[in-house]
PDB file of N, CA and C in Angstrom:
ATOM      1  N   MET A   1     -58.786 -58.932   1.717  1.00  0.00           N
ATOM      2  CA  MET A   1     -59.700 -58.813   0.570  1.00  0.00           C
ATOM      3  C   MET A   1     -59.444 -57.180   0.675  1.00  0.00           C
ATOM      4  N   HIS A   2     -59.606 -56.804   1.831  1.00  0.00           N
ATOM      5  CA  HIS A   2     -59.809 -54.949   2.116  1.00  0.00           C
ATOM      6  C   HIS A   2     -58.608 -54.329   1.063  1.00  0.00           C
ATOM      7  N   SER A   3     -57.226 -54.860   1.160  1.00  0.00           N
ATOM      8  CA  SER A   3     -56.598 -54.221   0.634  1.00  0.00           C
ATOM      9  C   SER A   3     -56.237 -54.690  -0.558  1.00  0.00           C
ATOM     10  N   LEU A   4     -57.165 -55.588  -1.316  1.00  0.00           N
ATOM     11  CA  LEU A   4     -56.776 -55.687  -2.536  1.00  0.00           C
ATOM     12  C   LEU A   4     -58.115 -54.495  -2.898  1.00  0.00           C
ATOM     13  N   ARG A   5     -59.233 -54.615  -2.263  1.00  0.00           N
ATOM     14  CA  ARG A   5     -60.129 -54.008  -2.967  1.00  0.00           C
ATOM     15  C   ARG A   5     -59.401 -52.039  -2.974  1.00  0.00           C
ATOM     16  N   ASN A   6     -58.289 -51.583  -2.075  1.00  0.00           N
ATOM     17  CA  ASN A   6     -58.156 -50.688  -2.137  1.00  0.00           C
ATOM     18  C   ASN A   6     -57.259 -50.295  -3.284  1.00  0.00           C
ATOM     19  N   VAL A   7     -56.136 -51.506  -3.120  1.00  0.00           N
ATOM     20  CA  VAL A   7     -55.440 -51.567  -4.448  1.00  0.00           C
ATOM     21  C   VAL A   7     -56.076 -51.153  -5.860  1.00  0.00           C
ATOM     22  N   LEU A   8     -57.277 -52.203  -5.939  1.00  0.00           N
ATOM     23  CA  LEU A   8     -57.962 -51.710  -6.828  1.00  0.00           C
ATOM     24  C   LEU A   8     -58.518 -50.654  -7.434  1.00  0.00           C
ATOM     25  N   PHE A   9     -59.100 -50.442  -6.405  1.00  0.00           N
ATOM     26  CA  PHE A   9     -59.845 -48.817  -6.210  1.00  0.00           C
ATOM     27  C   PHE A   9     -58.970 -47.797  -6.793  1.00  0.00           C
ATOM     28  N   LEU A  10     -57.719 -47.758  -5.866  1.00  0.00           N
ATOM     29  CA  LEU A  10     -56.874 -46.874  -6.593  1.00  0.00           C
ATOM     30  C   LEU A  10     -56.899 -46.873  -8.224  1.00  0.00           C
ATOM     31  N   LEU A  11     -56.380 -48.604  -8.355  1.00  0.00           N
ATOM     32  CA  LEU A  11     -55.808 -48.389  -9.841  1.00  0.00           C
ATOM     33  C   LEU A  11     -56.870 -47.786 -10.897  1.00  0.00           C
ATOM     34  N   VAL A  12     -58.164 -48.425 -10.794  1.00  0.00           N
ATOM     35  CA  VAL A  12     -58.777 -47.509 -11.125  1.00  0.00           C
ATOM     36  C   VAL A  12     -59.285 -46.616 -11.507  1.00  0.00           C
ATOM     37  N   LEU A  13     -58.951 -45.616  -9.853  1.00  0.00           N
ATOM     38  CA  LEU A  13     -59.287 -44.359 -10.089  1.00  0.00           C
ATOM     39  C   LEU A  13     -58.167 -43.492 -10.753  1.00  0.00           C
ATOM     40  N   ALA A  14     -56.733 -44.160 -10.781  1.00  0.00           N
ATOM     41  CA  ALA A  14     -55.758 -43.249 -11.477  1.00  0.00           C
ATOM     42  C   ALA A  14     -56.200 -43.628 -12.715  1.00  0.00           C
ATOM     43  N   TRP A  15     -56.478 -44.747 -13.084  1.00  0.00           N
ATOM     44  CA  TRP A  15     -56.691 -44.707 -14.381  1.00  0.00           C
ATOM     45  C   TRP A  15     -57.808 -43.700 -15.306  1.00  0.00           C
ATOM     46  N   ALA A  16     -58.880 -44.180 -14.278  1.00  0.00           N
ATOM     47  CA  ALA A  16     -60.473 -43.059 -14.872  1.00  0.00           C
ATOM     48  C   ALA A  16     -59.843 -41.321 -15.075  1.00  0.00           C
ATOM     49  N   PHE A  17     -59.622 -41.139 -13.715  1.00  0.00           N
ATOM     50  CA  PHE A  17     -59.164 -39.973 -13.995  1.00  0.00           C
ATOM     51  C   PHE A  17     -57.995 -38.790 -14.361  1.00  0.00           C
ATOM     52  N   LEU A  18     -57.231 -39.529 -14.974  1.00  0.00           N
ATOM     53  CA  LEU A  18     -56.208 -38.849 -15.923  1.00  0.00           C
ATOM     54  C   LEU A  18     -56.825 -37.520 -16.632  1.00  0.00           C
ATOM     55  N   SER A  19     -56.120 -36.323 -16.128  1.00  0.00           N
ATOM     56  CA  SER A  19     -56.564 -35.321 -17.078  1.00  0.00           C
ATOM     57  C   SER A  19     -56.174 -35.470 -18.754  1.00  0.00           C
ATOM     58  N   PRO A  20     -57.019 -34.524 -19.598  1.00  0.00           N
ATOM     59  CA  PRO A  20     -56.448 -34.836 -20.666  1.00  0.00           C
ATOM     60  C   PRO A  20     -54.433 -34.120 -20.806  1.00  0.00           C
ATOM     61  N   ALA A  21     -54.263 -33.359 -19.740  1.00  0.00           N
ATOM     62  CA  ALA A  21     -53.075 -32.802 -19.345  1.00  0.00           C
ATOM     63  C   ALA A  21     -52.114 -33.759 -19.287  1.00  0.00           C
ATOM     64  N   ILE A  22     -52.187 -34.205 -18.115  1.00  0.00           N
ATOM     65  CA  ILE A  22     -51.691 -35.743 -17.573  1.00  0.00           C
ATOM     66  C   ILE A  22     -51.216 -36.511 -18.905  1.00  0.00           C
ATOM     67  N   ALA A  23     -52.099 -36.983 -19.017  1.00  0.00           N
ATOM     68  CA  ALA A  23     -52.404 -37.686 -20.308  1.00  0.00           C
ATOM     69  C   ALA A  23     -51.782 -37.901 -21.664  1.00  0.00           C
ATOM     70  N   ALA A  24     -51.462 -36.354 -21.707  1.00  0.00           N
ATOM     71  CA  ALA A  24     -50.603 -35.973 -23.037  1.00  0.00           C
ATOM     72  C   ALA A  24     -49.028 -36.167 -22.721  1.00  0.00           C
ATOM     73  N   GLU A  25     -49.108 -36.107 -21.437  1.00  0.00           N
ATOM     74  CA  GLU A  25     -47.300 -36.330 -21.389  1.00  0.00           C
ATOM     75  C   GLU A  25     -47.522 -37.701 -20.437  1.00  0.00           C
ATOM     76  N   HIS A  26     -47.799 -38.689 -20.705  1.00  0.00           N
ATOM     77  CA  HIS A  26     -48.159 -39.992 -19.670  1.00  0.00           C
ATOM     78  C   HIS A  26     -49.257 -40.458 -20.268  1.00  0.00           C
ATOM     79  N   LYS A  27     -49.415 -41.858 -21.671  1.00  0.00           N
ATOM     80  CA  LYS A  27     -50.277 -41.836 -21.802  1.00  0.00           C
ATOM     81  C   LYS A  27     -49.838 -43.294 -20.873  1.00  0.00           C
ATOM     82  N   VAL A  28     -51.393 -43.875 -20.584  1.00  0.00           N
ATOM     83  CA  VAL A  28     -51.547 -45.149 -19.314  1.00  0.00           C
ATOM     84  C   VAL A  28     -51.573 -46.027 -20.648  1.00  0.00           C
ATOM     85  N   ASP A  29     -50.424 -47.227 -20.688  1.00  0.00           N
ATOM     86  CA  ASP A  29     -50.399 -48.176 -21.303  1.00  0.00           C
ATOM     87  C   ASP A  29     -51.021 -49.586 -20.799  1.00  0.00           C
ATOM     88  N   PHE A  30     -51.873 -49.627 -21.017  1.00  0.00           N
ATOM     89  CA  PHE A  30     -52.880 -50.939 -20.640  1.00  0.00           C
ATOM     90  C   PHE A  30     -51.703 -52.079 -20.320  1.00  0.00           C
ATOM     91  N   ARG A  31     -50.825 -52.903 -21.031  1.00  0.00           N
ATOM     92  CA  ARG A  31     -50.190 -53.721 -21.541  1.00  0.00           C
ATOM     93  C   ARG A  31     -49.149 -53.769 -20.010  1.00  0.00           C
ATOM     94  N   ARG A  32     -48.358 -52.468 -20.002  1.00  0.00           N
ATOM     95  CA  ARG A  32     -47.534 -52.167 -19.154  1.00  0.00           C
ATOM     96  C   ARG A  32     -47.722 -51.708 -18.001  1.00  0.00           C
ATOM     97  N   GLU A  33     -48.852 -51.181 -17.782  1.00  0.00           N
ATOM     98  CA  GLU A  33     -49.241 -50.758 -16.468  1.00  0.00           C
ATOM     99  C   GLU A  33     -50.251 -51.154 -15.853  1.00  0.00           C
ATOM    100  N   ILE A  34     -51.543 -51.234 -16.354  1.00  0.00           N
ATOM    101  CA  ILE A  34     -52.761 -51.627 -16.001  1.00  0.00           C
ATOM    102  C   ILE A  34     -52.542 -53.177 -15.518  1.00  0.00           C
ATOM    103  N   GLN A  35     -52.370 -53.713 -16.752  1.00  0.00           N
ATOM    104  CA  GLN A  35     -52.399 -55.712 -16.907  1.00  0.00           C
ATOM    105  C   GLN A  35     -51.510 -56.281 -16.407  1.00  0.00           C
ATOM    106  N   PRO A  36     -50.714 -56.092 -15.745  1.00  0.00           N
ATOM    107  CA  PRO A  36     -49.640 -56.855 -14.520  1.00  0.00           C
ATOM    108  C   PRO A  36     -50.789 -56.521 -13.234  1.00  0.00           C
ATOM    109  N   ILE A  37     -51.369 -56.081 -13.205  1.00  0.00           N
ATOM    110  CA  ILE A  37     -51.961 -55.488 -11.656  1.00  0.00           C
ATOM    111  C   ILE A  37     -52.972 -56.651 -11.780  1.00  0.00           C
ATOM    112  N   LEU A  38     -53.660 -55.890 -13.112  1.00  0.00           N
ATOM    113  CA  LEU A  38     -55.225 -57.095 -13.041  1.00  0.00           C
ATOM    114  C   LEU A  38     -55.152 -58.846 -13.053  1.00  0.00           C
ATOM    115  N   SER A  39     -53.816 -59.002 -13.711  1.00  0.00           N
ATOM    116  CA  SER A  39     -53.425 -60.127 -13.700  1.00  0.00           C
ATOM    117  C   SER A  39     -52.973 -60.837 -12.727  1.00  0.00           C
ATOM    118  N   GLU A  40     -52.249 -60.528 -11.692  1.00  0.00           N
ATOM    119  CA  GLU A  40     -52.129 -60.456 -10.265  1.00  0.00           C
ATOM    120  C   GLU A  40     -52.864 -61.028  -9.491  1.00  0.00           C
ATOM    121  N   HIS A  41     -54.328 -60.059  -9.727  1.00  0.00           N
ATOM    122  CA  HIS A  41     -55.413 -59.457  -8.177  1.00  0.00           C
ATOM    123  C   HIS A  41     -56.712 -60.476  -9.098  1.00  0.00           C
ATOM    124  N   CYS A  42     -56.918 -60.429 -10.194  1.00  0.00           N
ATOM    125  CA  CYS A  42     -57.773 -60.742 -11.110  1.00  0.00           C
ATOM    126  C   CYS A  42     -58.112 -61.632 -11.713  1.00  0.00           C
ATOM    127  N   SER A  43     -56.833 -62.412 -12.369  1.00  0.00           N
ATOM    128  CA  SER A  43     -57.011 -63.091 -13.635  1.00  0.00           C
ATOM    129  C   SER A  43     -57.820 -64.349 -12.997  1.00  0.00           C
ATOM    130  N   LEU A  44     -57.774 -64.987 -11.455  1.00  0.00           N
ATOM    131  CA  LEU A  44     -58.275 -66.324 -11.866  1.00  0.00           C
ATOM    132  C   LEU A  44     -60.012 -65.938 -11.693  1.00  0.00           C
ATOM    133  N   CYS A  45     -60.371 -65.383 -11.814  1.00  0.00           N
ATOM    134  CA  CYS A  45     -61.752 -65.362 -11.877  1.00  0.00           C
ATOM    135  C   CYS A  45     -62.399 -64.609 -13.067  1.00  0.00           C
ATOM    136  N   HIS A  46     -61.400 -63.759 -13.827  1.00  0.00           N
ATOM    137  CA  HIS A  46     -61.257 -62.735 -14.929  1.00  0.00           C
ATOM    138  C   HIS A  46     -60.617 -62.685 -15.881  1.00  0.00           C
ATOM    139  N   GLY A  47     -60.004 -64.025 -16.000  1.00  0.00           N
ATOM    140  CA  GLY A  47     -59.119 -64.086 -17.221  1.00  0.00           C
ATOM    141  C   GLY A  47     -59.732 -64.945 -17.966  1.00  0.00           C
ATOM    142  N   ALA A  48     -58.496 -65.081 -18.950  1.00  0.00           N
ATOM    143  CA  ALA A  48     -58.596 -66.418 -20.122  1.00  0.00           C
ATOM    144  C   ALA A  48     -59.299 -67.623 -20.372  1.00  0.00           C
ATOM    145  N   ASP A  49     -59.531 -68.106 -19.243  1.00  0.00           N
ATOM    146  CA  ASP A  49     -59.894 -69.622 -18.616  1.00  0.00           C
ATOM    147  C   ASP A  49     -61.186 -69.527 -18.734  1.00  0.00           C
ATOM    148  N   PRO A  50     -62.289 -69.874 -19.470  1.00  0.00           N
ATOM    149  CA  PRO A  50     -63.731 -69.616 -19.696  1.00  0.00           C
ATOM    150  C   PRO A  50     -64.209 -70.354 -18.663  1.00  0.00           C
ATOM    151  N   THR A  51     -63.658 -71.367 -18.003  1.00  0.00           N
ATOM    152  CA  THR A  51     -64.338 -72.344 -17.525  1.00  0.00           C
ATOM    153  C   THR A  51     -64.464 -71.553 -15.459  1.00  0.00           C
ATOM    154  N   SER A  52     -63.859 -70.660 -15.410  1.00  0.00           N
ATOM    155  CA  SER A  52     -63.364 -70.451 -14.217  1.00  0.00           C
ATOM    156  C   SER A  52     -63.660 -69.002 -14.545  1.00  0.00           C
ATOM    157  N   ARG A  53     -64.120 -68.080 -15.757  1.00  0.00           N
ATOM    158  CA  ARG A  53     -64.296 -66.860 -15.379  1.00  0.00           C
ATOM    159  C   ARG A  53     -65.721 -66.389 -14.888  1.00  0.00           C
ATOM    160  N   GLN A  54     -65.870 -65.524 -14.137  1.00  0.00           N
ATOM    161  CA  GLN A  54     -66.978 -65.329 -13.307  1.00  0.00           C
ATOM    162  C   GLN A  54     -67.389 -63.880 -13.840  1.00  0.00           C
ATOM    163  N   ALA A  55     -68.844 -63.956 -14.354  1.00  0.00           N
ATOM    164  CA  ALA A  55     -69.848 -62.838 -14.289  1.00  0.00           C
ATOM    165  C   ALA A  55     -69.597 -62.431 -16.160  1.00  0.00           C
ATOM    166  N   GLY A  56     -68.711 -63.199 -17.165  1.00  0.00           N
ATOM    167  CA  GLY A  56     -68.493 -63.280 -18.298  1.00  0.00           C
ATOM    168  C   GLY A  56     -67.251 -61.797 -18.503  1.00  0.00           C
ATOM    169  N   LEU A  57     -66.688 -61.560 -17.563  1.00  0.00           N
ATOM    170  CA  LEU A  57     -65.539 -60.506 -17.683  1.00  0.00           C
ATOM    171  C   LEU A  57     -64.319 -60.879 -18.220  1.00  0.00           C
ATOM    172  N   ARG A  58     -63.729 -59.975 -18.694  1.00  0.00           N
ATOM    173  CA  ARG A  58     -62.555 -60.452 -19.112  1.00  0.00           C
ATOM    174  C   ARG A  58     -61.756 -59.248 -18.734  1.00  0.00           C
ATOM    175  N   LEU A  59     -60.638 -59.598 -17.911  1.00  0.00           N
ATOM    176  CA  LEU A  59     -59.884 -58.131 -17.540  1.00  0.00           C
ATOM    177  C   LEU A  59     -58.541 -58.502 -18.318  1.00  0.00           C
ATOM    178  N   ASP A  60     -57.964 -59.590 -18.705  1.00  0.00           N
ATOM    179  CA  ASP A  60     -56.497 -59.382 -19.444  1.00  0.00           C
ATOM    180  C   ASP A  60     -56.421 -59.304 -20.419  1.00  0.00           C
ATOM    181  N   VAL A  61     -57.673 -58.714 -21.376  1.00  0.00           N
ATOM    182  CA  VAL A  61     -57.548 -57.886 -22.653  1.00  0.00           C
ATOM    183  C   VAL A  61     -58.011 -56.913 -22.602  1.00  0.00           C
ATOM    184  N   GLU A  62     -57.642 -55.772 -23.008  1.00  0.00           N
ATOM    185  CA  GLU A  62     -57.806 -54.446 -23.032  1.00  0.00           C
ATOM    186  C   GLU A  62     -59.446 -54.020 -23.628  1.00  0.00           C
ATOM    187  N   SER A  63     -59.322 -54.642 -24.345  1.00  0.00           N
ATOM    188  CA  SER A  63     -60.928 -54.395 -25.173  1.00  0.00           C
ATOM    189  C   SER A  63     -61.914 -54.676 -24.520  1.00  0.00           C
ATOM    190  N   LEU A  64     -61.969 -56.138 -23.741  1.00  0.00           N
ATOM    191  CA  LEU A  64     -62.912 -56.441 -23.014  1.00  0.00           C
ATOM    192  C   LEU A  64     -62.739 -56.206 -21.627  1.00  0.00           C
ATOM    193  N   ALA A  65     -61.747 -55.560 -21.750  1.00  0.00           N
ATOM    194  CA  ALA A  65     -62.149 -54.973 -20.017  1.00  0.00           C
ATOM    195  C   ALA A  65     -63.119 -54.117 -20.266  1.00  0.00           C
ATOM    196  N   TRP A  66     -62.116 -53.031 -20.909  1.00  0.00           N
ATOM    197  CA  TRP A  66     -63.510 -51.557 -21.256  1.00  0.00           C
ATOM    198  C   TRP A  66     -65.147 -52.091 -21.843  1.00  0.00           C
ATOM    199  N   ALA A  67     -64.882 -53.250 -22.064  1.00  0.00           N
ATOM    200  CA  ALA A  67     -66.068 -53.792 -22.613  1.00  0.00           C
ATOM    201  C   ALA A  67     -67.537 -54.224 -21.488  1.00  0.00           C
ATOM    202  N   GLY A  68     -66.950 -54.886 -20.860  1.00  0.00           N
ATOM    203  CA  GLY A  68     -68.060 -55.146 -19.502  1.00  0.00           C
ATOM    204  C   GLY A  68     -68.131 -56.731 -19.780  1.00  0.00           C
ATOM    205  N   GLY A  69     -68.747 -57.146 -18.656  1.00  0.00           N
ATOM    206  CA  GLY A  69     -68.674 -58.630 -19.084  1.00  0.00           C
ATOM    207  C   GLY A  69     -70.987 -58.934 -19.626  1.00  0.00           C
ATOM    208  N   ASP A  70     -71.847 -59.859 -18.467  1.00  0.00           N
ATOM    209  CA  ASP A  70     -72.865 -60.232 -18.674  1.00  0.00           C
ATOM    210  C   ASP A  70     -73.560 -59.089 -18.334  1.00  0.00           C
ATOM    211  N   SER A  71     -73.441 -58.394 -17.233  1.00  0.00           N
ATOM    212  CA  SER A  71     -74.374 -57.146 -17.075  1.00  0.00           C
ATOM    213  C   SER A  71     -74.556 -56.267 -18.513  1.00  0.00           C
ATOM    214  N   GLY A  72     -74.115 -55.886 -19.617  1.00  0.00           N
ATOM    215  CA  GLY A  72     -73.987 -55.388 -20.766  1.00  0.00           C
ATOM    216  C   GLY A  72     -73.212 -53.815 -20.544  1.00  0.00           C
ATOM    217  N   LEU A  73     -73.331 -53.557 -19.147  1.00  0.00           N
ATOM    218  CA  LEU A  73     -72.513 -52.359 -19.040  1.00  0.00           C
ATOM    219  C   LEU A  73     -70.857 -52.225 -18.999  1.00  0.00           C
ATOM    220  N   PRO A  74     -70.700 -51.304 -19.695  1.00  0.00           N
ATOM    221  CA  PRO A  74     -69.126 -50.950 -19.513  1.00  0.00           C
ATOM    222  C   PRO A  74     -68.170 -51.451 -18.204  1.00  0.00           C
ATOM    223  N   ALA A  75     -67.441 -51.999 -17.973  1.00  0.00           N
ATOM    224  CA  ALA A  75     -66.063 -52.141 -16.484  1.00  0.00           C
ATOM    225  C   ALA A  75     -66.412 -51.182 -16.027  1.00  0.00           C
ATOM    226  N   ILE A  76     -65.524 -50.440 -17.390  1.00  0.00           N
ATOM    227  CA  ILE A  76     -64.690 -49.144 -17.340  1.00  0.00           C
ATOM    228  C   ILE A  76     -65.221 -48.043 -17.611  1.00  0.00           C
ATOM    229  N   SER A  77     -65.901 -46.771 -17.003  1.00  0.00           N
ATOM    230  CA  SER A  77     -65.679 -45.723 -17.766  1.00  0.00           C
ATOM    231  C   SER A  77     -64.903 -44.513 -17.929  1.00  0.00           C
ATOM    232  N   PRO A  78     -64.094 -44.445 -19.222  1.00  0.00           N
ATOM    233  CA  PRO A  78     -62.873 -43.457 -19.215  1.00  0.00           C
ATOM    234  C   PRO A  78     -63.101 -41.982 -18.911  1.00  0.00           C
ATOM    235  N   GLY A  79     -62.089 -41.173 -18.108  1.00  0.00           N
ATOM    236  CA  GLY A  79     -62.748 -40.371 -17.242  1.00  0.00           C
ATOM    237  C   GLY A  79     -63.596 -40.081 -16.352  1.00  0.00           C
ATOM    238  N   SER A  80     -64.009 -40.905 -15.833  1.00  0.00           N
ATOM    239  CA  SER A  80     -65.376 -40.582 -15.149  1.00  0.00           C
ATOM    240  C   SER A  80     -65.405 -42.553 -14.227  1.00  0.00           C
ATOM    241  N   SER A  81     -64.957 -42.182 -13.372  1.00  0.00           N
ATOM    242  CA  SER A  81     -64.726 -43.226 -12.166  1.00  0.00           C
ATOM    243  C   SER A  81     -65.853 -43.271 -10.995  1.00  0.00           C
ATOM    244  N   ALA A  82     -66.618 -42.555 -11.116  1.00  0.00           N
ATOM    245  CA  ALA A  82     -68.062 -42.265 -10.401  1.00  0.00           C
ATOM    246  C   ALA A  82     -68.770 -43.507 -11.324  1.00  0.00           C
ATOM    247  N   ALA A  83     -68.863 -43.541 -12.157  1.00  0.00           N
ATOM    248  CA  ALA A  83     -69.365 -44.111 -13.650  1.00  0.00           C
ATOM    249  C   ALA A  83     -68.990 -45.377 -13.883  1.00  0.00           C
ATOM    250  N   SER A  84     -68.238 -45.568 -13.579  1.00  0.00           N
ATOM    251  CA  SER A  84     -67.138 -47.210 -13.549  1.00  0.00           C
ATOM    252  C   SER A  84     -67.782 -48.131 -13.071  1.00  0.00           C
ATOM    253  N   ASN A  85     -68.367 -49.155 -13.980  1.00  0.00           N
ATOM    254  CA  ASN A  85     -68.821 -50.217 -13.089  1.00  0.00           C
ATOM    255  C   ASN A  85     -67.705 -51.208 -12.010  1.00  0.00           C
ATOM    256  N   LEU A  86     -66.607 -51.324 -12.362  1.00  0.00           N
ATOM    257  CA  LEU A  86     -65.756 -52.128 -12.130  1.00  0.00           C
ATOM    258  C   LEU A  86     -65.575 -51.023 -10.640  1.00  0.00           C
ATOM    259  N   VAL A  87     -65.352 -49.792 -10.062  1.00  0.00           N
ATOM    260  CA  VAL A  87     -65.145 -48.826  -9.372  1.00  0.00           C
ATOM    261  C   VAL A  87     -66.015 -49.221  -8.638  1.00  0.00           C
ATOM    262  N   GLN A  88     -67.654 -49.318  -8.707  1.00  0.00           N
ATOM    263  CA  GLN A  88     -68.588 -49.553  -8.168  1.00  0.00           C
ATOM    264  C   GLN A  88     -68.585 -50.720  -7.162  1.00  0.00           C
ATOM    265  N   ARG A  89     -68.399 -51.941  -8.253  1.00  0.00           N
ATOM    266  CA  ARG A  89     -68.086 -53.077  -7.635  1.00  0.00           C
ATOM    267  C   ARG A  89     -67.160 -53.121  -6.310  1.00  0.00           C
ATOM    268  N   ILE A  90     -66.264 -52.793  -6.884  1.00  0.00           N
ATOM    269  CA  ILE A  90     -64.922 -52.691  -6.002  1.00  0.00           C
ATOM    270  C   ILE A  90     -65.162 -52.430  -4.863  1.00  0.00           C
ATOM    271  N   ASP A  91     -65.977 -50.992  -4.972  1.00  0.00           N
ATOM    272  CA  ASP A  91     -66.289 -50.093  -3.481  1.00  0.00           C
ATOM    273  C   ASP A  91     -67.464 -51.215  -2.706  1.00  0.00           C
ATOM    274  N   SER A  92     -68.433 -51.650  -3.330  1.00  0.00           N
ATOM    275  CA  SER A  92     -69.662 -51.815  -2.687  1.00  0.00           C
ATOM    276  C   SER A  92     -69.575 -53.066  -1.632  1.00  0.00           C
ATOM    277  N   THR A  93     -70.291 -53.596  -0.459  1.00  0.00           N
ATOM    278  CA  THR A  93     -70.193 -54.260   0.365  1.00  0.00           C
ATOM    279  C   THR A  93     -70.153 -55.696  -0.125  1.00  0.00           C
TER     280      THR A  93
END
């Protein structure tokens, strides 16, 4: 579980902290680069199946991953991992 937290934390940090200069050179493609990792590690609890979905959070669709779940807070805050609810929850005990 600890290594999963680290992988997810690093993934979201990389996604959220891309500077405009780097982003101009390499735009992160959610479907190709992010979705496979979330699908492998998060889809059981945060995927398409509404009967197993926790906290109303879907991470298998980009727009829904950005929107967040039942908390009403965005799951991911572009450009600010510190403000990202997803990072805060992964990093918490």
